[in-house]
Amino acid sequence: MSDPEKRKKFDQYGKDWQHAEEFEKQKQYQQQSSGTRGTRSSGAQSGSDFSDFFESMFGSSTGSGRQAKYRGEDYNAEIHLNLIDAFETHQQTLTVNGKKIRITIPAGIENGQIIKIPGHGGPGINGGPNGDLYIEFSISNHSILKRLGNNLYANIDLDIYKAVLGGEITIDTLNGQVKLKVKPETQNGSRIKLKGKGFPVYKNEGQFGDLLVTFSIRIPTNLTDQQKELFKQLAKT
């Protein structure tokens, strides 16, 4: 109880301090509604009022001697993935409360997406249900490929000779290399789309976005005198 605010609640409400917020809301409601009926309208609630409130909220102890059951606390965790990890369905093992749990991460998980693992939060009190575990995913981009939704984007350098004459190049994707035909007279900044070569659609097996490739024409440097002369002759034509 190093937190002063939590310590204050514990001193006031005892073992039920974690539910003090719900009690305070109920107390305010009772005060507002009782003002017109001539009942208690001010002052602190007694300890019995606090117990009565939790009996109504959580089914507290009855004549049979049963104790109140409280739901456990929810836990939050963060998992960091790279783009290749998020491309394929895979499993990871986490340790929560000293127990190892194995989760399946579906292909196509989004950056910032949160999934809930029921019952893997804090333990319940007096036999109450466990809380839940919420996992948020942080996914970094690839060095070449950038993701936007289910589509992937790549900027590919193209030498001036292939841009003018056309030809074939090989590019890397997340599931292998692909040969790509370059049309003659390809312009700088032109874009082509490779359908179905993008990112898998979350929980839709066999469905993929597209890969969009933008060409950046690379101007040659350190030309020899002979090469420069050839360009001069080409310019004259």
Protein backbone atom coordinates (compact mmCIF):
# COMPACT_ATOMS: atom_id res chain seq x y z
CA MET A 1 0.00 0.00 0.00
CA SER A 2 2.72 2.47 -0.98
CA ASP A 3 0.18 4.42 -3.04
CA PRO A 4 -1.36 7.02 -0.68
CA GLU A 5 -4.71 6.98 -2.48
CA LYS A 6 -4.99 3.18 -2.27
CA ARG A 7 -3.92 3.27 1.39
CA LYS A 8 -6.67 5.79 2.13
CA LYS A 9 -9.29 3.54 0.52
CA PHE A 10 -7.99 0.52 2.43
CA ASP A 11 -8.15 2.36 5.74
CA GLN A 12 -11.73 3.45 5.00
CA TYR A 13 -13.17 0.30 3.43
CA GLY A 14 -10.96 -2.55 4.62
CA LYS A 15 -10.59 -5.67 2.47
CA ASP A 16 -13.21 -4.38 0.00
CA TRP A 17 -11.23 -1.24 -0.82
CA GLN A 18 -10.83 -2.22 -4.51
CA HIS A 19 -14.58 -1.82 -4.98
CA ALA A 20 -14.75 1.56 -3.28
CA GLU A 21 -15.44 3.37 -6.56
CA GLU A 22 -18.66 1.41 -7.11
CA PHE A 23 -19.69 2.09 -3.52
CA GLU A 24 -19.05 5.84 -3.89
CA LYS A 25 -21.22 5.97 -7.01
CA GLN A 26 -24.00 4.10 -5.22
CA LYS A 27 -23.68 6.38 -2.19
CA GLN A 28 -24.03 9.51 -4.33
CA TYR A 29 -27.10 8.05 -6.00
CA GLN A 30 -28.68 7.22 -2.63
CA GLN A 31 -27.95 10.70 -1.30
CA GLN A 32 -29.54 12.37 -4.33
CA SER A 33 -32.63 10.20 -4.28
CA SER A 34 -33.12 10.31 -0.50
CA GLY A 35 -33.05 14.11 -0.26
CA THR A 36 -36.71 14.38 -1.29
CA ARG A 37 -37.86 11.52 0.99
CA GLY A 38 -36.58 12.93 4.27
CA THR A 39 -34.11 10.08 4.72
CA ARG A 40 -30.37 10.28 5.26
CA SER A 41 -29.07 13.03 2.91
CA SER A 42 -25.58 13.77 4.17
CA GLY A 43 -22.72 12.37 6.14
CA ALA A 44 -20.59 9.28 5.67
CA GLN A 45 -22.15 5.84 5.18
CA SER A 46 -21.66 3.36 7.97
CA GLY A 47 -19.76 0.13 7.70
CA SER A 48 -23.05 -1.78 7.55
CA ASP A 49 -24.16 0.37 4.59
CA PHE A 50 -20.95 -0.59 2.82
CA SER A 51 -21.55 -4.28 3.48
CA ASP A 52 -25.20 -3.99 2.42
CA PHE A 53 -24.11 -2.42 -0.85
CA PHE A 54 -21.73 -5.26 -1.66
CA GLU A 55 -24.35 -7.82 -0.72
CA SER A 56 -26.68 -6.31 -3.33
CA MET A 57 -23.91 -6.05 -5.93
CA PHE A 58 -22.09 -9.36 -5.47
CA GLY A 59 -24.38 -11.66 -3.51
CA SER A 60 -22.57 -11.42 -0.20
CA SER A 61 -22.86 -13.70 2.79
CA THR A 62 -26.33 -15.03 3.56
CA GLY A 63 -27.83 -17.04 6.36
CA SER A 64 -26.06 -20.09 4.97
CA GLY A 65 -22.71 -18.53 5.83
CA ARG A 66 -21.48 -18.09 2.26
CA GLN A 67 -18.91 -15.35 1.62
CA ALA A 68 -19.03 -12.76 -1.14
CA LYS A 69 -17.54 -13.80 -4.48
CA TYR A 70 -15.56 -11.16 -6.34
CA ARG A 71 -14.30 -11.23 -9.91
CA GLY A 72 -10.53 -11.11 -10.33
CA GLU A 73 -8.62 -8.16 -11.74
CA ASP A 74 -8.10 -7.84 -15.52
CA TYR A 75 -4.49 -7.94 -16.72
CA ASN A 76 -2.94 -6.08 -19.66
CA ALA A 77 0.10 -7.16 -21.67
CA GLU A 78 1.90 -6.09 -24.85
CA ILE A 79 3.50 -8.34 -27.48
CA HIS A 80 5.98 -6.98 -30.02
CA LEU A 81 6.06 -8.61 -33.47
CA ASN A 82 7.84 -7.87 -36.72
CA LEU A 83 5.98 -7.91 -40.02
CA ILE A 84 7.16 -11.42 -40.86
CA ASP A 85 5.82 -12.75 -37.53
CA ALA A 86 2.42 -11.19 -38.18
CA PHE A 87 2.35 -12.63 -41.71
CA GLU A 88 1.84 -16.22 -40.56
CA THR A 89 -0.34 -17.84 -37.90
CA HIS A 90 1.91 -18.97 -35.06
CA GLN A 91 1.95 -19.72 -31.36
CA GLN A 92 3.65 -17.98 -28.48
CA THR A 93 3.99 -18.92 -24.81
CA LEU A 94 3.36 -16.34 -22.07
CA THR A 95 3.86 -16.61 -18.32
CA VAL A 96 0.99 -15.18 -16.27
CA ASN A 97 0.77 -15.59 -12.49
CA GLY A 98 3.57 -18.14 -12.69
CA LYS A 99 1.62 -20.26 -15.18
CA LYS A 100 2.58 -20.73 -18.81
CA ILE A 101 -0.19 -20.28 -21.36
CA ARG A 102 0.11 -20.87 -25.08
CA ILE A 103 -1.78 -18.54 -27.38
CA THR A 104 -2.35 -18.73 -31.13
CA ILE A 105 -1.73 -15.46 -33.00
CA PRO A 106 -3.70 -15.44 -36.27
CA ALA A 107 -2.03 -14.25 -39.47
CA GLY A 108 -2.94 -10.68 -40.34
CA ILE A 109 -3.05 -9.34 -36.78
CA GLU A 110 -3.12 -5.52 -36.87
CA ASN A 111 -0.76 -3.10 -35.18
CA GLY A 112 -2.52 -1.86 -32.04
CA GLN A 113 -5.10 -4.66 -32.11
CA ILE A 114 -6.21 -6.03 -28.73
CA ILE A 115 -7.38 -9.58 -28.11
CA LYS A 116 -8.95 -10.96 -24.93
CA ILE A 117 -7.92 -14.24 -23.29
CA PRO A 118 -10.82 -15.05 -20.93
CA GLY A 119 -10.06 -16.26 -17.43
CA HIS A 120 -6.32 -15.57 -17.48
CA GLY A 121 -6.35 -12.38 -15.40
CA GLY A 122 -6.16 -12.09 -11.62
CA PRO A 123 -7.69 -14.87 -9.48
CA GLY A 124 -11.21 -14.44 -8.19
CA ILE A 125 -11.91 -13.95 -4.47
CA ASN A 126 -13.84 -16.55 -2.48
CA GLY A 127 -14.42 -18.68 -5.56
CA GLY A 128 -15.36 -15.78 -7.83
CA PRO A 129 -14.43 -15.90 -11.53
CA ASN A 130 -10.94 -14.96 -12.70
CA GLY A 131 -10.35 -11.72 -14.55
CA ASP A 132 -9.40 -11.61 -18.22
CA LEU A 133 -6.08 -11.02 -19.97
CA TYR A 134 -5.99 -8.29 -22.65
CA ILE A 135 -3.05 -8.40 -25.09
CA GLU A 136 -2.16 -5.46 -27.33
CA PHE A 137 0.06 -6.09 -30.37
CA SER A 138 2.81 -3.74 -31.50
CA ILE A 139 3.99 -4.57 -35.04
CA SER A 140 7.02 -2.97 -36.66
CA ASN A 141 7.37 -2.49 -40.42
CA HIS A 142 9.74 -4.40 -42.68
CA SER A 143 12.92 -2.73 -43.95
CA ILE A 144 11.61 -2.83 -47.54
CA LEU A 145 7.90 -3.56 -47.32
CA LYS A 146 5.44 -1.22 -45.60
CA ARG A 147 1.98 -2.31 -44.54
CA LEU A 148 -1.23 -0.33 -44.80
CA GLY A 149 -4.29 -2.39 -43.97
CA ASN A 150 -4.03 -5.59 -45.98
CA ASN A 151 -1.84 -4.06 -48.70
CA LEU A 152 1.94 -3.97 -48.84
CA TYR A 153 3.98 -1.18 -50.46
CA ALA A 154 7.53 -1.28 -51.78
CA ASN A 155 9.83 1.23 -53.47
CA ILE A 156 12.14 -0.52 -55.93
CA ASP A 157 15.20 1.06 -57.58
CA LEU A 158 15.35 0.51 -61.34
CA ASP A 159 18.43 1.29 -63.42
CA ILE A 160 17.93 3.62 -66.34
CA TYR A 161 18.79 0.99 -68.94
CA LYS A 162 16.08 -1.41 -67.78
CA ALA A 163 13.63 1.45 -67.44
CA VAL A 164 14.23 2.45 -71.08
CA LEU A 165 14.57 -0.98 -72.67
CA GLY A 166 12.39 -3.08 -70.35
CA GLY A 167 13.31 -6.45 -68.93
CA GLU A 168 12.84 -8.58 -65.84
CA ILE A 169 13.77 -8.08 -62.19
CA THR A 170 13.43 -10.16 -59.02
CA ILE A 171 11.93 -8.63 -55.88
CA ASP A 172 11.56 -9.95 -52.33
CA THR A 173 8.14 -10.49 -50.74
CA LEU A 174 7.22 -11.83 -47.30
CA ASN A 175 6.70 -15.33 -48.70
CA GLY A 176 9.55 -15.58 -51.20
CA GLN A 177 10.93 -13.92 -54.31
CA VAL A 178 8.84 -12.89 -57.31
CA LYS A 179 9.97 -12.21 -60.87
CA LEU A 180 8.58 -9.01 -62.26
CA LYS A 181 8.41 -7.85 -65.88
CA VAL A 182 9.36 -4.24 -66.53
CA LYS A 183 7.77 -2.58 -69.52
CA PRO A 184 9.97 -0.54 -71.88
CA GLU A 185 9.97 3.21 -71.23
CA THR A 186 8.90 2.80 -67.60
CA GLN A 187 8.67 6.23 -65.99
CA ASN A 188 10.05 7.29 -62.62
CA GLY A 189 7.36 7.00 -59.93
CA SER A 190 5.19 4.61 -61.95
CA ARG A 191 3.41 1.92 -59.94
CA ILE A 192 2.30 -1.63 -60.61
CA LYS A 193 0.00 -3.86 -58.56
CA LEU A 194 0.60 -7.52 -57.81
CA LYS A 195 -2.77 -8.92 -56.78
CA GLY A 196 -2.81 -11.35 -53.87
CA LYS A 197 0.84 -10.69 -52.95
CA GLY A 198 0.01 -8.46 -49.99
CA PHE A 199 -0.83 -9.21 -46.36
CA PRO A 200 -3.19 -12.00 -45.23
CA VAL A 201 -6.68 -10.88 -44.23
CA TYR A 202 -7.21 -11.41 -40.50
CA LYS A 203 -9.15 -14.65 -39.83
CA ASN A 204 -9.95 -15.09 -43.53
CA GLU A 205 -7.77 -17.99 -44.59
CA GLY A 206 -6.56 -17.86 -48.18
CA GLN A 207 -7.40 -14.16 -48.67
CA PHE A 208 -4.62 -11.61 -49.21
CA GLY A 209 -4.26 -7.95 -49.99
CA ASP A 210 -2.13 -6.63 -52.87
CA LEU A 211 1.52 -5.64 -53.24
CA LEU A 212 2.01 -2.23 -54.83
CA VAL A 213 5.47 -1.55 -56.27
CA THR A 214 6.67 1.97 -57.07
CA PHE A 215 9.70 2.36 -59.34
CA SER A 216 12.45 4.85 -58.64
CA ILE A 217 14.71 5.32 -61.69
CA ARG A 218 18.37 5.26 -60.64
CA ILE A 219 20.61 7.65 -62.62
CA PRO A 220 24.08 6.17 -63.29
CA THR A 221 27.12 7.87 -61.76
CA ASN A 222 30.89 7.73 -62.40
CA LEU A 223 30.37 7.43 -66.16
CA THR A 224 33.40 6.93 -68.37
CA ASP A 225 34.14 9.37 -71.20
CA GLN A 226 32.89 6.81 -73.69
CA GLN A 227 29.59 6.38 -71.83
CA LYS A 228 29.12 10.14 -71.62
CA GLU A 229 29.74 10.41 -75.35
CA LEU A 230 27.04 7.81 -75.99
CA PHE A 231 24.57 9.84 -73.96
CA LYS A 232 25.53 12.95 -75.92
CA GLN A 233 24.90 11.17 -79.19
CA LEU A 234 21.57 9.92 -77.84
CA ALA A 235 20.60 13.43 -76.79
CA LYS A 236 21.29 14.76 -80.32
CA THR A 237 18.84 12.26 -81.79
